[in-house]
Amino acid sequence: MKQILGYLLGFAIFIAGIPAMMWWVAGMPSLGEIPVLRLCLAIIIATAGLALSVWSIVYMKLVGKGNPFDAMGHEVAPRTRLLMTEGPYKRSRNPMLTGTYLYYIGVLIAVWSVWALLVFAAIATVMMLQVRSEEKRLEADFGQEYLDYKKRVRRFL
């Protein structure tokens, strides 16, 4: 139950809520108001971002035997038991967040608003705090193995 709650909470906040806020502060543009070329680019980038995030979540669940969703040090779902260094984690320590950022960039391109950009900047700032919190937890959980991984692989790309 706790794991399902974690996934639902993640979906509600990151996939639906934040983009809805970006759309709202942008003046709620309709699809007809967005130039076709910009909309196509937005869809491609957002879809690629979602695909990377989903791949990261599935990989973590299947290989890491857990879930990544820690809310500022509070476990929302069971933590991974293995350090992820392959699959989407081979080139990025945070492929899930990288994918989420790409998704938001797709939304930004679609709504094309300074206000939505400010929402993205605020969310990115909060998420960087979360990343730092997760890195401390990973250092505590995996020790030297994580420190070696951290030296080899960049935070995002």
N, C-alpha and C. Protein backbone atom coordinates (compact mmCIF):
# COMPACT_ATOMS: atom_id res chain seq x y z
N MET A 1 0.82 -1.20 0.00
CA MET A 1 0.00 0.00 0.00
C MET A 1 0.86 1.26 0.00
N LYS A 2 1.93 1.26 0.84
CA LYS A 2 2.81 2.41 0.92
C LYS A 2 3.48 2.69 -0.42
N GLN A 3 3.83 1.62 -1.14
CA GLN A 3 4.49 1.77 -2.43
C GLN A 3 3.54 2.36 -3.47
N ILE A 4 2.30 1.90 -3.48
CA ILE A 4 1.31 2.44 -4.41
C ILE A 4 1.07 3.91 -4.10
N LEU A 5 0.98 4.24 -2.83
CA LEU A 5 0.82 5.63 -2.42
C LEU A 5 1.98 6.49 -2.93
N GLY A 6 3.19 5.97 -2.84
CA GLY A 6 4.37 6.69 -3.33
C GLY A 6 4.29 6.98 -4.81
N TYR A 7 3.91 5.97 -5.60
CA TYR A 7 3.78 6.17 -7.05
C TYR A 7 2.65 7.14 -7.38
N LEU A 8 1.53 7.01 -6.70
CA LEU A 8 0.40 7.91 -6.96
C LEU A 8 0.74 9.35 -6.57
N LEU A 9 1.41 9.49 -5.46
CA LEU A 9 1.82 10.82 -5.02
C LEU A 9 2.80 11.44 -6.01
N GLY A 10 3.75 10.65 -6.46
CA GLY A 10 4.71 11.12 -7.46
C GLY A 10 4.03 11.54 -8.74
N PHE A 11 3.08 10.73 -9.21
CA PHE A 11 2.33 11.07 -10.42
C PHE A 11 1.54 12.36 -10.22
N ALA A 12 0.82 12.45 -9.11
CA ALA A 12 -0.03 13.62 -8.86
C ALA A 12 0.79 14.91 -8.80
N ILE A 13 1.94 14.85 -8.15
CA ILE A 13 2.76 16.05 -8.00
C ILE A 13 3.55 16.36 -9.26
N PHE A 14 4.35 15.40 -9.72
CA PHE A 14 5.34 15.69 -10.75
C PHE A 14 4.83 15.58 -12.18
N ILE A 15 3.91 14.68 -12.45
CA ILE A 15 3.44 14.50 -13.82
C ILE A 15 2.20 15.34 -14.10
N ALA A 16 1.34 15.49 -13.13
CA ALA A 16 0.11 16.26 -13.34
C ALA A 16 0.15 17.65 -12.70
N GLY A 17 0.49 17.72 -11.43
CA GLY A 17 0.37 18.97 -10.69
C GLY A 17 1.26 20.10 -11.14
N ILE A 18 2.54 19.85 -11.24
CA ILE A 18 3.47 20.92 -11.61
C ILE A 18 3.21 21.40 -13.05
N PRO A 19 3.06 20.50 -14.03
CA PRO A 19 2.71 21.00 -15.37
C PRO A 19 1.38 21.76 -15.39
N ALA A 20 0.42 21.32 -14.59
CA ALA A 20 -0.86 22.05 -14.53
C ALA A 20 -0.64 23.45 -13.97
N MET A 21 0.23 23.58 -12.97
CA MET A 21 0.54 24.89 -12.41
C MET A 21 1.22 25.76 -13.47
N MET A 22 2.14 25.17 -14.23
CA MET A 22 2.83 25.91 -15.28
C MET A 22 1.83 26.39 -16.34
N TRP A 23 0.92 25.55 -16.71
CA TRP A 23 -0.12 25.89 -17.69
C TRP A 23 -1.02 27.00 -17.14
N TRP A 24 -1.38 26.88 -15.88
CA TRP A 24 -2.26 27.87 -15.25
C TRP A 24 -1.61 29.25 -15.19
N VAL A 25 -0.36 29.31 -14.71
CA VAL A 25 0.31 30.62 -14.62
C VAL A 25 0.62 31.20 -15.99
N ALA A 26 0.64 30.35 -17.02
CA ALA A 26 0.87 30.83 -18.39
C ALA A 26 -0.41 31.38 -19.02
N GLY A 27 -1.50 31.35 -18.29
CA GLY A 27 -2.76 31.87 -18.82
C GLY A 27 -3.65 30.82 -19.44
N MET A 28 -3.36 29.56 -19.16
CA MET A 28 -4.14 28.41 -19.64
C MET A 28 -4.36 28.41 -21.16
N PRO A 29 -3.26 28.45 -21.93
CA PRO A 29 -3.41 28.46 -23.39
C PRO A 29 -4.05 27.17 -23.89
N SER A 30 -4.90 27.31 -24.88
CA SER A 30 -5.50 26.11 -25.50
C SER A 30 -4.53 25.56 -26.54
N LEU A 31 -4.73 24.32 -26.93
CA LEU A 31 -3.86 23.71 -27.94
C LEU A 31 -3.87 24.51 -29.23
N GLY A 32 -5.02 25.09 -29.57
CA GLY A 32 -5.14 25.88 -30.79
C GLY A 32 -4.30 27.15 -30.77
N GLU A 33 -3.93 27.62 -29.61
CA GLU A 33 -3.13 28.83 -29.48
C GLU A 33 -1.63 28.57 -29.63
N ILE A 34 -1.23 27.31 -29.59
CA ILE A 34 0.18 26.96 -29.64
C ILE A 34 0.56 26.65 -31.08
N PRO A 35 1.56 27.35 -31.63
CA PRO A 35 1.99 27.05 -33.00
C PRO A 35 2.34 25.56 -33.15
N VAL A 36 1.97 24.99 -34.29
CA VAL A 36 2.11 23.55 -34.51
C VAL A 36 3.55 23.08 -34.35
N LEU A 37 4.49 23.79 -34.92
CA LEU A 37 5.89 23.38 -34.82
C LEU A 37 6.37 23.38 -33.37
N ARG A 38 6.00 24.41 -32.62
CA ARG A 38 6.37 24.48 -31.21
C ARG A 38 5.70 23.36 -30.42
N LEU A 39 4.45 23.09 -30.72
CA LEU A 39 3.74 22.01 -30.04
C LEU A 39 4.38 20.66 -30.33
N CYS A 40 4.76 20.42 -31.57
CA CYS A 40 5.42 19.15 -31.92
C CYS A 40 6.74 18.99 -31.18
N LEU A 41 7.55 20.07 -31.15
CA LEU A 41 8.81 20.03 -30.42
C LEU A 41 8.56 19.77 -28.94
N ALA A 42 7.58 20.44 -28.38
CA ALA A 42 7.23 20.26 -26.97
C ALA A 42 6.83 18.81 -26.68
N ILE A 43 6.03 18.24 -27.54
CA ILE A 43 5.56 16.85 -27.35
C ILE A 43 6.74 15.89 -27.43
N ILE A 44 7.65 16.09 -28.37
CA ILE A 44 8.81 15.21 -28.52
C ILE A 44 9.69 15.26 -27.26
N ILE A 45 9.99 16.47 -26.80
CA ILE A 45 10.86 16.62 -25.62
C ILE A 45 10.17 16.08 -24.37
N ALA A 46 8.89 16.42 -24.19
CA ALA A 46 8.16 15.95 -23.00
C ALA A 46 8.03 14.43 -23.01
N THR A 47 7.77 13.84 -24.16
CA THR A 47 7.64 12.38 -24.25
C THR A 47 8.97 11.70 -23.96
N ALA A 48 10.05 12.25 -24.50
CA ALA A 48 11.38 11.68 -24.22
C ALA A 48 11.68 11.75 -22.73
N GLY A 49 11.34 12.88 -22.10
CA GLY A 49 11.56 13.03 -20.67
C GLY A 49 10.75 12.03 -19.86
N LEU A 50 9.48 11.89 -20.22
CA LEU A 50 8.64 10.91 -19.50
C LEU A 50 9.17 9.49 -19.68
N ALA A 51 9.60 9.17 -20.90
CA ALA A 51 10.13 7.83 -21.17
C ALA A 51 11.36 7.56 -20.31
N LEU A 52 12.27 8.53 -20.21
CA LEU A 52 13.46 8.36 -19.38
C LEU A 52 13.08 8.19 -17.91
N SER A 53 12.15 8.99 -17.44
CA SER A 53 11.72 8.88 -16.04
C SER A 53 11.08 7.52 -15.76
N VAL A 54 10.20 7.08 -16.63
CA VAL A 54 9.52 5.79 -16.44
C VAL A 54 10.53 4.65 -16.49
N TRP A 55 11.45 4.68 -17.46
CA TRP A 55 12.49 3.66 -17.55
C TRP A 55 13.28 3.61 -16.24
N SER A 56 13.62 4.78 -15.71
CA SER A 56 14.39 4.84 -14.46
C SER A 56 13.62 4.25 -13.29
N ILE A 57 12.34 4.55 -13.20
CA ILE A 57 11.51 4.03 -12.12
C ILE A 57 11.37 2.52 -12.22
N VAL A 58 11.08 2.03 -13.42
CA VAL A 58 10.90 0.58 -13.62
C VAL A 58 12.21 -0.14 -13.34
N TYR A 59 13.31 0.40 -13.85
CA TYR A 59 14.62 -0.22 -13.63
C TYR A 59 14.93 -0.27 -12.13
N MET A 60 14.65 0.83 -11.44
CA MET A 60 14.92 0.87 -10.00
C MET A 60 14.04 -0.15 -9.26
N LYS A 61 12.82 -0.27 -9.65
CA LYS A 61 11.91 -1.21 -9.00
C LYS A 61 12.36 -2.66 -9.24
N LEU A 62 12.69 -2.98 -10.50
CA LEU A 62 13.04 -4.35 -10.84
C LEU A 62 14.45 -4.75 -10.38
N VAL A 63 15.42 -3.87 -10.57
CA VAL A 63 16.81 -4.20 -10.25
C VAL A 63 17.16 -3.77 -8.83
N GLY A 64 16.74 -2.58 -8.45
CA GLY A 64 17.08 -2.05 -7.13
C GLY A 64 16.16 -2.52 -6.03
N LYS A 65 15.06 -3.18 -6.43
CA LYS A 65 14.12 -3.75 -5.46
C LYS A 65 13.53 -2.69 -4.52
N GLY A 66 13.28 -1.53 -5.06
CA GLY A 66 12.70 -0.48 -4.23
C GLY A 66 12.21 0.68 -5.05
N ASN A 67 12.03 1.78 -4.38
CA ASN A 67 11.46 2.97 -4.97
C ASN A 67 12.32 4.16 -4.57
N PRO A 68 12.44 5.15 -5.44
CA PRO A 68 13.32 6.27 -5.14
C PRO A 68 12.69 7.36 -4.29
N PHE A 69 11.41 7.32 -4.07
CA PHE A 69 10.72 8.50 -3.56
C PHE A 69 10.91 8.69 -2.07
N ASP A 70 11.90 9.50 -1.76
CA ASP A 70 12.14 9.97 -0.41
C ASP A 70 11.74 11.43 -0.40
N ALA A 71 10.94 11.85 0.52
CA ALA A 71 10.53 13.25 0.58
C ALA A 71 11.32 13.95 1.67
N MET A 72 12.43 14.56 1.27
CA MET A 72 13.30 15.30 2.18
C MET A 72 13.63 14.47 3.42
N GLY A 73 14.07 13.23 3.15
CA GLY A 73 14.50 12.37 4.25
C GLY A 73 13.41 11.52 4.87
N HIS A 74 12.17 11.66 4.40
CA HIS A 74 11.07 10.86 4.91
C HIS A 74 10.72 9.80 3.87
N GLU A 75 10.84 8.56 4.25
CA GLU A 75 10.59 7.46 3.34
C GLU A 75 9.10 7.38 3.02
N VAL A 76 8.77 7.50 1.72
CA VAL A 76 7.38 7.42 1.28
C VAL A 76 7.10 6.02 0.75
N ALA A 77 8.12 5.36 0.25
CA ALA A 77 8.01 3.99 -0.25
C ALA A 77 9.31 3.28 0.09
N PRO A 78 9.33 1.94 0.05
CA PRO A 78 10.55 1.22 0.41
C PRO A 78 11.75 1.67 -0.42
N ARG A 79 12.87 1.93 0.25
CA ARG A 79 14.08 2.38 -0.43
C ARG A 79 14.72 1.25 -1.21
N THR A 80 15.50 1.62 -2.23
CA THR A 80 16.21 0.62 -2.99
C THR A 80 17.24 -0.08 -2.11
N ARG A 81 17.46 -1.35 -2.40
CA ARG A 81 18.42 -2.12 -1.62
C ARG A 81 19.76 -2.27 -2.32
N LEU A 82 19.79 -1.93 -3.61
CA LEU A 82 21.02 -2.01 -4.39
C LEU A 82 21.30 -0.66 -5.02
N LEU A 83 22.57 -0.31 -5.14
CA LEU A 83 22.95 0.93 -5.80
C LEU A 83 22.80 0.75 -7.31
N MET A 84 22.06 1.63 -7.92
CA MET A 84 21.83 1.57 -9.36
C MET A 84 22.99 2.23 -10.09
N THR A 85 23.71 1.46 -10.92
CA THR A 85 24.84 2.00 -11.69
C THR A 85 24.78 1.61 -13.15
N GLU A 86 23.78 0.88 -13.54
CA GLU A 86 23.63 0.44 -14.93
C GLU A 86 22.30 0.94 -15.48
N GLY A 87 21.97 0.53 -16.70
CA GLY A 87 20.72 0.98 -17.31
C GLY A 87 20.72 2.49 -17.41
N PRO A 88 19.63 3.14 -17.05
CA PRO A 88 19.58 4.60 -17.16
C PRO A 88 20.52 5.29 -16.17
N TYR A 89 21.00 4.57 -15.17
CA TYR A 89 21.88 5.13 -14.15
C TYR A 89 23.36 5.05 -14.55
N LYS A 90 23.64 4.52 -15.71
CA LYS A 90 25.02 4.39 -16.17
C LYS A 90 25.61 5.74 -16.59
N ARG A 91 24.78 6.62 -17.11
CA ARG A 91 25.24 7.93 -17.60
C ARG A 91 24.78 9.11 -16.75
N SER A 92 23.87 8.85 -15.82
CA SER A 92 23.33 9.91 -14.98
C SER A 92 23.00 9.33 -13.62
N ARG A 93 23.40 10.04 -12.56
CA ARG A 93 23.05 9.57 -11.22
C ARG A 93 21.58 9.84 -10.93
N ASN A 94 20.97 10.72 -11.71
CA ASN A 94 19.57 11.10 -11.50
C ASN A 94 18.79 11.08 -12.81
N PRO A 95 18.72 9.96 -13.49
CA PRO A 95 18.01 9.95 -14.77
C PRO A 95 16.51 10.23 -14.63
N MET A 96 15.95 9.85 -13.49
CA MET A 96 14.53 10.11 -13.26
C MET A 96 14.26 11.62 -13.24
N LEU A 97 15.09 12.34 -12.51
CA LEU A 97 14.93 13.79 -12.42
C LEU A 97 15.32 14.45 -13.75
N THR A 98 16.34 13.93 -14.42
CA THR A 98 16.70 14.46 -15.73
C THR A 98 15.50 14.34 -16.67
N GLY A 99 14.85 13.19 -16.65
CA GLY A 99 13.66 12.99 -17.48
C GLY A 99 12.53 13.93 -17.08
N THR A 100 12.37 14.14 -15.79
CA THR A 100 11.32 15.06 -15.31
C THR A 100 11.61 16.48 -15.77
N TYR A 101 12.87 16.89 -15.68
CA TYR A 101 13.24 18.23 -16.17
C TYR A 101 12.96 18.35 -17.67
N LEU A 102 13.29 17.32 -18.44
CA LEU A 102 12.99 17.36 -19.88
C LEU A 102 11.48 17.48 -20.12
N TYR A 103 10.71 16.76 -19.34
CA TYR A 103 9.25 16.84 -19.44
C TYR A 103 8.78 18.28 -19.19
N TYR A 104 9.30 18.89 -18.15
CA TYR A 104 8.92 20.27 -17.84
C TYR A 104 9.39 21.25 -18.91
N ILE A 105 10.55 20.99 -19.49
CA ILE A 105 11.02 21.84 -20.59
C ILE A 105 10.07 21.73 -21.78
N GLY A 106 9.58 20.52 -22.04
CA GLY A 106 8.56 20.36 -23.08
C GLY A 106 7.32 21.18 -22.78
N VAL A 107 6.88 21.15 -21.53
CA VAL A 107 5.71 21.95 -21.13
C VAL A 107 6.03 23.43 -21.31
N LEU A 108 7.22 23.85 -20.90
CA LEU A 108 7.62 25.26 -21.05
C LEU A 108 7.59 25.69 -22.51
N ILE A 109 8.10 24.86 -23.39
CA ILE A 109 8.09 25.18 -24.81
C ILE A 109 6.65 25.34 -25.30
N ALA A 110 5.78 24.48 -24.84
CA ALA A 110 4.38 24.55 -25.27
C ALA A 110 3.70 25.83 -24.77
N VAL A 111 3.83 26.15 -23.51
CA VAL A 111 3.09 27.29 -22.95
C VAL A 111 3.82 28.62 -23.16
N TRP A 112 5.14 28.58 -23.32
CA TRP A 112 5.96 29.73 -23.68
C TRP A 112 5.66 30.95 -22.82
N SER A 113 5.98 30.82 -21.53
CA SER A 113 5.62 31.86 -20.58
C SER A 113 6.73 32.07 -19.55
N VAL A 114 6.99 33.34 -19.28
CA VAL A 114 7.96 33.68 -18.24
C VAL A 114 7.47 33.18 -16.88
N TRP A 115 6.16 33.24 -16.64
CA TRP A 115 5.61 32.78 -15.36
C TRP A 115 5.82 31.28 -15.19
N ALA A 116 5.61 30.53 -16.26
CA ALA A 116 5.85 29.09 -16.19
C ALA A 116 7.34 28.80 -15.98
N LEU A 117 8.20 29.62 -16.58
CA LEU A 117 9.63 29.48 -16.38
C LEU A 117 10.00 29.71 -14.91
N LEU A 118 9.35 30.67 -14.28
CA LEU A 118 9.59 30.93 -12.85
C LEU A 118 9.14 29.75 -11.99
N VAL A 119 8.02 29.13 -12.35
CA VAL A 119 7.57 27.93 -11.63
C VAL A 119 8.61 26.83 -11.79
N PHE A 120 9.09 26.63 -13.02
CA PHE A 120 10.11 25.62 -13.27
C PHE A 120 11.37 25.90 -12.44
N ALA A 121 11.80 27.16 -12.41
CA ALA A 121 12.99 27.53 -11.65
C ALA A 121 12.81 27.24 -10.15
N ALA A 122 11.63 27.54 -9.63
CA ALA A 122 11.36 27.28 -8.21
C ALA A 122 11.37 25.78 -7.94
N ILE A 123 10.72 25.01 -8.80
CA ILE A 123 10.67 23.56 -8.63
C ILE A 123 12.07 22.96 -8.76
N ALA A 124 12.85 23.45 -9.73
CA ALA A 124 14.21 22.94 -9.92
C ALA A 124 15.06 23.21 -8.68
N THR A 125 14.87 24.36 -8.07
CA THR A 125 15.61 24.70 -6.85
C THR A 125 15.26 23.74 -5.72
N VAL A 126 13.99 23.50 -5.54
CA VAL A 126 13.54 22.56 -4.49
C VAL A 126 14.06 21.15 -4.78
N MET A 127 13.99 20.76 -6.05
CA MET A 127 14.45 19.42 -6.40
C MET A 127 15.96 19.26 -6.20
N MET A 128 16.73 20.32 -6.40
CA MET A 128 18.17 20.24 -6.14
C MET A 128 18.43 20.02 -4.64
N LEU A 129 17.61 20.62 -3.80
CA LEU A 129 17.73 20.36 -2.37
C LEU A 129 17.43 18.89 -2.07
N GLN A 130 16.41 18.36 -2.75
CA GLN A 130 16.05 16.95 -2.60
C GLN A 130 17.20 16.05 -3.06
N VAL A 131 17.81 16.39 -4.19
CA VAL A 131 18.93 15.60 -4.71
C VAL A 131 20.07 15.57 -3.70
N ARG A 132 20.37 16.69 -3.13
CA ARG A 132 21.46 16.73 -2.13
C ARG A 132 21.12 15.87 -0.91
N SER A 133 19.86 15.90 -0.51
CA SER A 133 19.40 15.06 0.61
C SER A 133 19.54 13.58 0.24
N GLU A 134 19.14 13.23 -0.97
CA GLU A 134 19.24 11.83 -1.43
C GLU A 134 20.70 11.40 -1.51
N GLU A 135 21.57 12.30 -1.96
CA GLU A 135 22.99 11.95 -2.06
C GLU A 135 23.58 11.63 -0.69
N LYS A 136 23.19 12.38 0.31
CA LYS A 136 23.66 12.09 1.68
C LYS A 136 23.15 10.72 2.13
N ARG A 137 21.89 10.43 1.83
CA ARG A 137 21.33 9.13 2.19
C ARG A 137 22.06 8.01 1.46
N LEU A 138 22.33 8.21 0.17
CA LEU A 138 23.03 7.18 -0.61
C LEU A 138 24.45 6.96 -0.09
N GLU A 139 25.11 8.03 0.30
CA GLU A 139 26.44 7.89 0.90
C GLU A 139 26.35 7.07 2.19
N ALA A 140 25.34 7.34 3.00
CA ALA A 140 25.17 6.59 4.25
C ALA A 140 24.81 5.12 3.96
N ASP A 141 23.95 4.90 2.97
CA ASP A 141 23.49 3.54 2.66
C ASP A 141 24.55 2.69 1.95
N PHE A 142 25.33 3.31 1.04
CA PHE A 142 26.22 2.53 0.17
C PHE A 142 27.70 2.88 0.31
N GLY A 143 28.03 3.87 1.12
CA GLY A 143 29.42 4.19 1.43
C GLY A 143 30.33 4.42 0.24
N GLN A 144 31.47 3.74 0.25
CA GLN A 144 32.50 3.93 -0.77
C GLN A 144 31.99 3.58 -2.17
N GLU A 145 31.12 2.60 -2.25
CA GLU A 145 30.57 2.22 -3.55
C GLU A 145 29.88 3.42 -4.21
N TYR A 146 29.10 4.17 -3.42
CA TYR A 146 28.42 5.36 -3.96
C TYR A 146 29.42 6.47 -4.26
N LEU A 147 30.41 6.67 -3.40
CA LEU A 147 31.41 7.71 -3.63
C LEU A 147 32.19 7.46 -4.92
N ASP A 148 32.52 6.19 -5.20
CA ASP A 148 33.20 5.84 -6.45
C ASP A 148 32.29 6.09 -7.65
N TYR A 149 31.04 5.71 -7.53
CA TYR A 149 30.04 5.95 -8.59
C TYR A 149 29.89 7.45 -8.84
N LYS A 150 29.84 8.21 -7.78
CA LYS A 150 29.68 9.66 -7.86
C LYS A 150 30.84 10.31 -8.62
N LYS A 151 32.05 9.75 -8.47
CA LYS A 151 33.22 10.26 -9.20
C LYS A 151 33.14 9.93 -10.68
N ARG A 152 32.54 8.80 -11.04
CA ARG A 152 32.49 8.34 -12.43
C ARG A 152 31.33 8.94 -13.23
N VAL A 153 30.21 9.21 -12.55
CA VAL A 153 28.98 9.57 -13.27
C VAL A 153 28.48 10.92 -12.79
N ARG A 154 28.12 11.75 -13.76
CA ARG A 154 27.63 13.10 -13.44
C ARG A 154 26.23 13.04 -12.83
N ARG A 155 25.88 14.12 -12.16
CA ARG A 155 24.59 14.20 -11.50
C ARG A 155 23.42 14.07 -12.48
N PHE A 156 23.50 14.76 -13.60
CA PHE A 156 22.39 14.72 -14.56
C PHE A 156 22.80 14.11 -15.89
N LEU A 157 23.67 14.74 -16.62
CA LEU A 157 24.07 14.20 -17.93
C LEU A 157 25.57 14.08 -18.01
